[in-house]
Amino acid sequence: MPWLFLLGAIACGAAAYRIGWPAWTSFRQREARDLNAERYLAWRGRAVSPGSASLREGPTNVERRALVLAAILAVASVALLVGFFATT
């Protein structure tokens, strides 16, 4: 019976990685592109004024949902791992 907890923990952890990692890398790549664009515009003398919004907007709704789902799966994986160690 304890091996079911371990299999569940491994499955939830793998699913969290599989869902969360692409969303996180997509978000970070877009942030880097936006930051580079802001630096380029500042270098060219066409920087955005301090009162206006920056080019960076944060994660998209799809990325945010994927990251939340990955976090939930990661917490479930840790809970299942605790259950595994509690039953062995």
PDB file of N, CA and C in Angstrom:
ATOM      1  N   MET A   1       0.806  -1.210   0.000  1.00  0.00           N
ATOM      2  CA  MET A   1       0.000   0.000   0.000  1.00  0.00           C
ATOM      3  C   MET A   1       0.849   1.274   0.000  1.00  0.00           C
ATOM      4  N   PRO A   2       1.967   1.340   0.720  1.00  0.00           N
ATOM      5  CA  PRO A   2       2.763   2.579   0.699  1.00  0.00           C
ATOM      6  C   PRO A   2       3.317   2.911  -0.685  1.00  0.00           C
ATOM      7  N   TRP A   3       3.514   1.915  -1.510  1.00  0.00           N
ATOM      8  CA  TRP A   3       4.060   2.179  -2.833  1.00  0.00           C
ATOM      9  C   TRP A   3       3.096   2.983  -3.693  1.00  0.00           C
ATOM     10  N   LEU A   4       1.790   2.925  -3.377  1.00  0.00           N
ATOM     11  CA  LEU A   4       0.829   3.754  -4.110  1.00  0.00           C
ATOM     12  C   LEU A   4       1.070   5.243  -3.834  1.00  0.00           C
ATOM     13  N   PHE A   5       1.415   5.562  -2.585  1.00  0.00           N
ATOM     14  CA  PHE A   5       1.741   6.946  -2.254  1.00  0.00           C
ATOM     15  C   PHE A   5       2.976   7.401  -3.035  1.00  0.00           C
ATOM     16  N   LEU A   6       3.967   6.525  -3.111  1.00  0.00           N
ATOM     17  CA  LEU A   6       5.190   6.869  -3.829  1.00  0.00           C
ATOM     18  C   LEU A   6       4.929   7.036  -5.324  1.00  0.00           C
ATOM     19  N   LEU A   7       4.155   6.142  -5.908  1.00  0.00           N
ATOM     20  CA  LEU A   7       3.818   6.277  -7.332  1.00  0.00           C
ATOM     21  C   LEU A   7       3.015   7.551  -7.603  1.00  0.00           C
ATOM     22  N   GLY A   8       2.094   7.859  -6.693  1.00  0.00           N
ATOM     23  CA  GLY A   8       1.318   9.098  -6.840  1.00  0.00           C
ATOM     24  C   GLY A   8       2.198  10.327  -6.728  1.00  0.00           C
ATOM     25  N   ALA A   9       3.155  10.296  -5.802  1.00  0.00           N
ATOM     26  CA  ALA A   9       4.061  11.431  -5.640  1.00  0.00           C
ATOM     27  C   ALA A   9       4.922  11.617  -6.879  1.00  0.00           C
ATOM     28  N   ILE A  10       5.405  10.527  -7.430  1.00  0.00           N
ATOM     29  CA  ILE A  10       6.229  10.618  -8.641  1.00  0.00           C
ATOM     30  C   ILE A  10       5.399  11.127  -9.815  1.00  0.00           C
ATOM     31  N   ALA A  11       4.179  10.621  -9.948  1.00  0.00           N
ATOM     32  CA  ALA A  11       3.310  11.049 -11.057  1.00  0.00           C
ATOM     33  C   ALA A  11       2.943  12.528 -10.926  1.00  0.00           C
ATOM     34  N   CYS A  12       2.602  12.965  -9.721  1.00  0.00           N
ATOM     35  CA  CYS A  12       2.246  14.383  -9.529  1.00  0.00           C
ATOM     36  C   CYS A  12       3.453  15.288  -9.750  1.00  0.00           C
ATOM     37  N   GLY A  13       4.615  14.852  -9.277  1.00  0.00           N
ATOM     38  CA  GLY A  13       5.821  15.651  -9.489  1.00  0.00           C
ATOM     39  C   GLY A  13       6.186  15.765 -10.962  1.00  0.00           C
ATOM     40  N   ALA A  14       6.076  14.659 -11.689  1.00  0.00           N
ATOM     41  CA  ALA A  14       6.372  14.684 -13.122  1.00  0.00           C
ATOM     42  C   ALA A  14       5.367  15.552 -13.877  1.00  0.00           C
ATOM     43  N   ALA A  15       4.109  15.468 -13.492  1.00  0.00           N
ATOM     44  CA  ALA A  15       3.087  16.292 -14.148  1.00  0.00           C
ATOM     45  C   ALA A  15       3.307  17.770 -13.844  1.00  0.00           C
ATOM     46  N   ALA A  16       3.688  18.092 -12.614  1.00  0.00           N
ATOM     47  CA  ALA A  16       3.959  19.485 -12.252  1.00  0.00           C
ATOM     48  C   ALA A  16       5.125  20.029 -13.072  1.00  0.00           C
ATOM     49  N   TYR A  17       6.170  19.236 -13.229  1.00  0.00           N
ATOM     50  CA  TYR A  17       7.314  19.652 -14.030  1.00  0.00           C
ATOM     51  C   TYR A  17       6.918  19.817 -15.492  1.00  0.00           C
ATOM     52  N   ARG A  18       6.171  18.860 -16.005  1.00  0.00           N
ATOM     53  CA  ARG A  18       5.781  18.863 -17.414  1.00  0.00           C
ATOM     54  C   ARG A  18       4.868  20.038 -17.753  1.00  0.00           C
ATOM     55  N   ILE A  19       4.046  20.454 -16.806  1.00  0.00           N
ATOM     56  CA  ILE A  19       3.123  21.567 -17.042  1.00  0.00           C
ATOM     57  C   ILE A  19       3.782  22.906 -16.730  1.00  0.00           C
ATOM     58  N   GLY A  20       4.523  22.963 -15.638  1.00  0.00           N
ATOM     59  CA  GLY A  20       5.053  24.235 -15.164  1.00  0.00           C
ATOM     60  C   GLY A  20       6.287  24.734 -15.885  1.00  0.00           C
ATOM     61  N   TRP A  21       7.191  23.845 -16.259  1.00  0.00           N
ATOM     62  CA  TRP A  21       8.450  24.287 -16.850  1.00  0.00           C
ATOM     63  C   TRP A  21       8.277  25.028 -18.176  1.00  0.00           C
ATOM     64  N   PRO A  22       7.468  24.541 -19.128  1.00  0.00           N
ATOM     65  CA  PRO A  22       7.293  25.309 -20.369  1.00  0.00           C
ATOM     66  C   PRO A  22       6.655  26.683 -20.140  1.00  0.00           C
ATOM     67  N   ALA A  23       5.706  26.755 -19.218  1.00  0.00           N
ATOM     68  CA  ALA A  23       5.065  28.044 -18.933  1.00  0.00           C
ATOM     69  C   ALA A  23       6.073  29.006 -18.315  1.00  0.00           C
ATOM     70  N   TRP A  24       6.909  28.503 -17.404  1.00  0.00           N
ATOM     71  CA  TRP A  24       7.894  29.356 -16.743  1.00  0.00           C
ATOM     72  C   TRP A  24       8.948  29.853 -17.746  1.00  0.00           C
ATOM     73  N   THR A  25       9.449  28.977 -18.602  1.00  0.00           N
ATOM     74  CA  THR A  25      10.466  29.398 -19.567  1.00  0.00           C
ATOM     75  C   THR A  25       9.888  30.366 -20.590  1.00  0.00           C
ATOM     76  N   SER A  26       8.649  30.162 -20.998  1.00  0.00           N
ATOM     77  CA  SER A  26       8.006  31.092 -21.927  1.00  0.00           C
ATOM     78  C   SER A  26       7.882  32.470 -21.301  1.00  0.00           C
ATOM     79  N   PHE A  27       7.461  32.516 -20.052  1.00  0.00           N
ATOM     80  CA  PHE A  27       7.335  33.783 -19.338  1.00  0.00           C
ATOM     81  C   PHE A  27       8.685  34.474 -19.210  1.00  0.00           C
ATOM     82  N   ARG A  28       9.727  33.753 -18.807  1.00  0.00           N
ATOM     83  CA  ARG A  28      11.048  34.344 -18.609  1.00  0.00           C
ATOM     84  C   ARG A  28      11.647  34.815 -19.934  1.00  0.00           C
ATOM     85  N   GLN A  29      11.427  34.078 -21.017  1.00  0.00           N
ATOM     86  CA  GLN A  29      11.948  34.506 -22.314  1.00  0.00           C
ATOM     87  C   GLN A  29      11.280  35.792 -22.780  1.00  0.00           C
ATOM     88  N   ARG A  30       9.976  35.896 -22.586  1.00  0.00           N
ATOM     89  CA  ARG A  30       9.269  37.116 -22.978  1.00  0.00           C
ATOM     90  C   ARG A  30       9.712  38.296 -22.129  1.00  0.00           C
ATOM     91  N   GLU A  31       9.922  38.059 -20.820  1.00  0.00           N
ATOM     92  CA  GLU A  31      10.411  39.118 -19.945  1.00  0.00           C
ATOM     93  C   GLU A  31      11.789  39.600 -20.396  1.00  0.00           C
ATOM     94  N   ALA A  32      12.657  38.679 -20.775  1.00  0.00           N
ATOM     95  CA  ALA A  32      13.998  39.058 -21.232  1.00  0.00           C
ATOM     96  C   ALA A  32      13.920  39.864 -22.529  1.00  0.00           C
ATOM     97  N   ARG A  33      13.046  39.452 -23.455  1.00  0.00           N
ATOM     98  CA  ARG A  33      12.884  40.209 -24.701  1.00  0.00           C
ATOM     99  C   ARG A  33      12.382  41.615 -24.426  1.00  0.00           C
ATOM    100  N   ASP A  34      11.393  41.734 -23.529  1.00  0.00           N
ATOM    101  CA  ASP A  34      10.851  43.051 -23.211  1.00  0.00           C
ATOM    102  C   ASP A  34      11.896  43.936 -22.548  1.00  0.00           C
ATOM    103  N   LEU A  35      12.685  43.357 -21.655  1.00  0.00           N
ATOM    104  CA  LEU A  35      13.734  44.129 -20.994  1.00  0.00           C
ATOM    105  C   LEU A  35      14.778  44.577 -22.003  1.00  0.00           C
ATOM    106  N   ASN A  36      15.142  43.700 -22.926  1.00  0.00           N
ATOM    107  CA  ASN A  36      16.100  44.082 -23.966  1.00  0.00           C
ATOM    108  C   ASN A  36      15.542  45.190 -24.849  1.00  0.00           C
ATOM    109  N   ALA A  37      14.254  45.129 -25.159  1.00  0.00           N
ATOM    110  CA  ALA A  37      13.635  46.184 -25.970  1.00  0.00           C
ATOM    111  C   ALA A  37      13.649  47.511 -25.220  1.00  0.00           C
ATOM    112  N   GLU A  38      13.369  47.480 -23.915  1.00  0.00           N
ATOM    113  CA  GLU A  38      13.412  48.712 -23.120  1.00  0.00           C
ATOM    114  C   GLU A  38      14.825  49.284 -23.072  1.00  0.00           C
ATOM    115  N   ARG A  39      15.808  48.418 -22.917  1.00  0.00           N
ATOM    116  CA  ARG A  39      17.200  48.891 -22.890  1.00  0.00           C
ATOM    117  C   ARG A  39      17.596  49.489 -24.234  1.00  0.00           C
ATOM    118  N   TYR A  40      17.174  48.855 -25.322  1.00  0.00           N
ATOM    119  CA  TYR A  40      17.491  49.359 -26.644  1.00  0.00           C
ATOM    120  C   TYR A  40      16.850  50.721 -26.865  1.00  0.00           C
ATOM    121  N   LEU A  41      15.592  50.850 -26.490  1.00  0.00           N
ATOM    122  CA  LEU A  41      14.917  52.139 -26.658  1.00  0.00           C
ATOM    123  C   LEU A  41      15.575  53.217 -25.801  1.00  0.00           C
ATOM    124  N   ALA A  42      16.004  52.867 -24.603  1.00  0.00           N
ATOM    125  CA  ALA A  42      16.694  53.841 -23.751  1.00  0.00           C
ATOM    126  C   ALA A  42      18.029  54.237 -24.376  1.00  0.00           C
ATOM    127  N   TRP A  43      18.721  53.283 -24.966  1.00  0.00           N
ATOM    128  CA  TRP A  43      19.989  53.564 -25.605  1.00  0.00           C
ATOM    129  C   TRP A  43      19.805  54.478 -26.809  1.00  0.00           C
ATOM    130  N   ARG A  44      18.705  54.300 -27.524  1.00  0.00           N
ATOM    131  CA  ARG A  44      18.412  55.132 -28.687  1.00  0.00           C
ATOM    132  C   ARG A  44      17.815  56.484 -28.296  1.00  0.00           C
ATOM    133  N   GLY A  45      17.553  56.690 -27.010  1.00  0.00           N
ATOM    134  CA  GLY A  45      16.998  57.957 -26.563  1.00  0.00           C
ATOM    135  C   GLY A  45      15.493  58.035 -26.667  1.00  0.00           C
ATOM    136  N   ARG A  46      14.841  56.895 -26.852  1.00  0.00           N
ATOM    137  CA  ARG A  46      13.376  56.877 -26.975  1.00  0.00           C
ATOM    138  C   ARG A  46      12.753  56.059 -25.859  1.00  0.00           C
ATOM    139  N   ALA A  47      13.301  56.188 -24.671  1.00  0.00           N
ATOM    140  CA  ALA A  47      12.798  55.411 -23.540  1.00  0.00           C
ATOM    141  C   ALA A  47      11.398  55.873 -23.161  1.00  0.00           C
ATOM    142  N   VAL A  48      10.650  54.960 -22.582  1.00  0.00           N
ATOM    143  CA  VAL A  48       9.307  55.283 -22.110  1.00  0.00           C
ATOM    144  C   VAL A  48       9.438  56.199 -20.902  1.00  0.00           C
ATOM    145  N   SER A  49       8.525  57.126 -20.783  1.00  0.00           N
ATOM    146  CA  SER A  49       8.599  58.040 -19.650  1.00  0.00           C
ATOM    147  C   SER A  49       8.330  57.295 -18.351  1.00  0.00           C
ATOM    148  N   PRO A  50       8.906  57.762 -17.235  1.00  0.00           N
ATOM    149  CA  PRO A  50       8.758  57.046 -15.969  1.00  0.00           C
ATOM    150  C   PRO A  50       7.310  56.898 -15.504  1.00  0.00           C
ATOM    151  N   GLY A  51       6.428  57.801 -15.903  1.00  0.00           N
ATOM    152  CA  GLY A  51       5.035  57.728 -15.471  1.00  0.00           C
ATOM    153  C   GLY A  51       4.208  56.725 -16.242  1.00  0.00           C
ATOM    154  N   SER A  52       4.648  56.342 -17.431  1.00  0.00           N
ATOM    155  CA  SER A  52       3.851  55.414 -18.235  1.00  0.00           C
ATOM    156  C   SER A  52       4.208  53.973 -17.911  1.00  0.00           C
ATOM    157  N   ALA A  53       3.398  53.084 -18.419  1.00  0.00           N
ATOM    158  CA  ALA A  53       3.576  51.658 -18.136  1.00  0.00           C
ATOM    159  C   ALA A  53       4.799  51.119 -18.872  1.00  0.00           C
ATOM    160  N   SER A  54       5.395  50.140 -18.282  1.00  0.00           N
ATOM    161  CA  SER A  54       6.543  49.472 -18.873  1.00  0.00           C
ATOM    162  C   SER A  54       6.059  48.467 -19.916  1.00  0.00           C
ATOM    163  N   LEU A  55       6.983  47.974 -20.740  1.00  0.00           N
ATOM    164  CA  LEU A  55       6.616  46.964 -21.732  1.00  0.00           C
ATOM    165  C   LEU A  55       6.309  45.631 -21.074  1.00  0.00           C
ATOM    166  N   ARG A  56       6.898  45.376 -19.918  1.00  0.00           N
ATOM    167  CA  ARG A  56       6.708  44.091 -19.245  1.00  0.00           C
ATOM    168  C   ARG A  56       5.319  44.016 -18.624  1.00  0.00           C
ATOM    169  N   GLU A  57       4.633  42.933 -18.850  1.00  0.00           N
ATOM    170  CA  GLU A  57       3.249  42.804 -18.396  1.00  0.00           C
ATOM    171  C   GLU A  57       3.025  41.647 -17.436  1.00  0.00           C
ATOM    172  N   GLY A  58       4.011  40.799 -17.226  1.00  0.00           N
ATOM    173  CA  GLY A  58       3.825  39.639 -16.371  1.00  0.00           C
ATOM    174  C   GLY A  58       3.356  38.448 -17.170  1.00  0.00           C
ATOM    175  N   PRO A  59       3.058  37.353 -16.484  1.00  0.00           N
ATOM    176  CA  PRO A  59       2.633  36.153 -17.210  1.00  0.00           C
ATOM    177  C   PRO A  59       1.251  36.332 -17.835  1.00  0.00           C
ATOM    178  N   THR A  60       1.042  35.652 -18.956  1.00  0.00           N
ATOM    179  CA  THR A  60      -0.271  35.676 -19.592  1.00  0.00           C
ATOM    180  C   THR A  60      -1.230  34.821 -18.762  1.00  0.00           C
ATOM    181  N   ASN A  61      -2.499  34.888 -19.071  1.00  0.00           N
ATOM    182  CA  ASN A  61      -3.482  34.093 -18.331  1.00  0.00           C
ATOM    183  C   ASN A  61      -3.234  32.600 -18.486  1.00  0.00           C
ATOM    184  N   VAL A  62      -2.841  32.170 -19.673  1.00  0.00           N
ATOM    185  CA  VAL A  62      -2.562  30.757 -19.904  1.00  0.00           C
ATOM    186  C   VAL A  62      -1.361  30.315 -19.072  1.00  0.00           C
ATOM    187  N   GLU A  63      -0.313  31.133 -19.076  1.00  0.00           N
ATOM    188  CA  GLU A  63       0.872  30.802 -18.274  1.00  0.00           C
ATOM    189  C   GLU A  63       0.548  30.809 -16.787  1.00  0.00           C
ATOM    190  N   ARG A  64      -0.240  31.766 -16.369  1.00  0.00           N
ATOM    191  CA  ARG A  64      -0.597  31.854 -14.948  1.00  0.00           C
ATOM    192  C   ARG A  64      -1.383  30.619 -14.505  1.00  0.00           C
ATOM    193  N   ARG A  65      -2.335  30.191 -15.335  1.00  0.00           N
ATOM    194  CA  ARG A  65      -3.107  28.988 -15.000  1.00  0.00           C
ATOM    195  C   ARG A  65      -2.216  27.756 -14.956  1.00  0.00           C
ATOM    196  N   ALA A  66      -1.285  27.652 -15.899  1.00  0.00           N
ATOM    197  CA  ALA A  66      -0.375  26.502 -15.924  1.00  0.00           C
ATOM    198  C   ALA A  66       0.526  26.504 -14.690  1.00  0.00           C
ATOM    199  N   LEU A  67       1.004  27.667 -14.287  1.00  0.00           N
ATOM    200  CA  LEU A  67       1.862  27.742 -13.105  1.00  0.00           C
ATOM    201  C   LEU A  67       1.096  27.433 -11.826  1.00  0.00           C
ATOM    202  N   VAL A  68      -0.155  27.876 -11.750  1.00  0.00           N
ATOM    203  CA  VAL A  68      -0.976  27.557 -10.574  1.00  0.00           C
ATOM    204  C   VAL A  68      -1.260  26.061 -10.515  1.00  0.00           C
ATOM    205  N   LEU A  69      -1.586  25.468 -11.651  1.00  0.00           N
ATOM    206  CA  LEU A  69      -1.835  24.027 -11.697  1.00  0.00           C
ATOM    207  C   LEU A  69      -0.577  23.251 -11.329  1.00  0.00           C
ATOM    208  N   ALA A  70       0.578  23.694 -11.812  1.00  0.00           N
ATOM    209  CA  ALA A  70       1.838  23.031 -11.473  1.00  0.00           C
ATOM    210  C   ALA A  70       2.127  23.153  -9.984  1.00  0.00           C
ATOM    211  N   ALA A  71       1.837  24.299  -9.394  1.00  0.00           N
ATOM    212  CA  ALA A  71       2.053  24.468  -7.955  1.00  0.00           C
ATOM    213  C   ALA A  71       1.133  23.555  -7.151  1.00  0.00           C
ATOM    214  N   ILE A  72      -0.114  23.437  -7.579  1.00  0.00           N
ATOM    215  CA  ILE A  72      -1.050  22.541  -6.887  1.00  0.00           C
ATOM    216  C   ILE A  72      -0.572  21.098  -6.976  1.00  0.00           C
ATOM    217  N   LEU A  73      -0.111  20.699  -8.155  1.00  0.00           N
ATOM    218  CA  LEU A  73       0.396  19.342  -8.319  1.00  0.00           C
ATOM    219  C   LEU A  73       1.663  19.111  -7.496  1.00  0.00           C
ATOM    220  N   ALA A  74       2.515  20.117  -7.397  1.00  0.00           N
ATOM    221  CA  ALA A  74       3.732  19.980  -6.593  1.00  0.00           C
ATOM    222  C   ALA A  74       3.389  19.829  -5.117  1.00  0.00           C
ATOM    223  N   VAL A  75       2.418  20.580  -4.628  1.00  0.00           N
ATOM    224  CA  VAL A  75       1.987  20.452  -3.227  1.00  0.00           C
ATOM    225  C   VAL A  75       1.378  19.072  -2.998  1.00  0.00           C
ATOM    226  N   ALA A  76       0.592  18.593  -3.945  1.00  0.00           N
ATOM    227  CA  ALA A  76       0.020  17.250  -3.821  1.00  0.00           C
ATOM    228  C   ALA A  76       1.116  16.193  -3.817  1.00  0.00           C
ATOM    229  N   SER A  77       2.146  16.409  -4.619  1.00  0.00           N
ATOM    230  CA  SER A  77       3.261  15.473  -4.648  1.00  0.00           C
ATOM    231  C   SER A  77       3.977  15.425  -3.305  1.00  0.00           C
ATOM    232  N   VAL A  78       4.194  16.574  -2.700  1.00  0.00           N
ATOM    233  CA  VAL A  78       4.841  16.612  -1.382  1.00  0.00           C
ATOM    234  C   VAL A  78       3.952  15.941  -0.342  1.00  0.00           C
ATOM    235  N   ALA A  79       2.647  16.191  -0.402  1.00  0.00           N
ATOM    236  CA  ALA A  79       1.732  15.562   0.550  1.00  0.00           C
ATOM    237  C   ALA A  79       1.736  14.040   0.391  1.00  0.00           C
ATOM    238  N   LEU A  80       1.758  13.562  -0.836  1.00  0.00           N
ATOM    239  CA  LEU A  80       1.821  12.120  -1.063  1.00  0.00           C
ATOM    240  C   LEU A  80       3.154  11.530  -0.599  1.00  0.00           C
ATOM    241  N   LEU A  81       4.228  12.294  -0.751  1.00  0.00           N
ATOM    242  CA  LEU A  81       5.516  11.826  -0.270  1.00  0.00           C
ATOM    243  C   LEU A  81       5.546  11.741   1.250  1.00  0.00           C
ATOM    244  N   VAL A  82       4.921  12.708   1.903  1.00  0.00           N
ATOM    245  CA  VAL A  82       4.796  12.642   3.373  1.00  0.00           C
ATOM    246  C   VAL A  82       3.959  11.440   3.765  1.00  0.00           C
ATOM    247  N   GLY A  83       2.885  11.187   3.029  1.00  0.00           N
ATOM    248  CA  GLY A  83       2.069  10.004   3.285  1.00  0.00           C
ATOM    249  C   GLY A  83       2.851   8.718   3.094  1.00  0.00           C
ATOM    250  N   PHE A  84       3.724   8.695   2.099  1.00  0.00           N
ATOM    251  CA  PHE A  84       4.554   7.516   1.880  1.00  0.00           C
ATOM    252  C   PHE A  84       5.479   7.268   3.067  1.00  0.00           C
ATOM    253  N   PHE A  85       6.154   8.328   3.527  1.00  0.00           N
ATOM    254  CA  PHE A  85       7.070   8.151   4.645  1.00  0.00           C
ATOM    255  C   PHE A  85       6.338   7.868   5.962  1.00  0.00           C
ATOM    256  N   ALA A  86       5.104   8.328   6.078  1.00  0.00           N
ATOM    257  CA  ALA A  86       4.335   8.072   7.296  1.00  0.00           C
ATOM    258  C   ALA A  86       3.862   6.624   7.358  1.00  0.00           C
ATOM    259  N   THR A  87       3.651   5.994   6.206  1.00  0.00           N
ATOM    260  CA  THR A  87       3.125   4.634   6.211  1.00  0.00           C
ATOM    261  C   THR A  87       4.216   3.567   6.144  1.00  0.00           C
ATOM    262  N   THR A  88       5.451   3.970   5.885  1.00  0.00           N
ATOM    263  CA  THR A  88       6.511   2.941   5.833  1.00  0.00           C
ATOM    264  C   THR A  88       7.186   2.776   7.169  1.00  0.00           C
TER     265      THR A  88
END
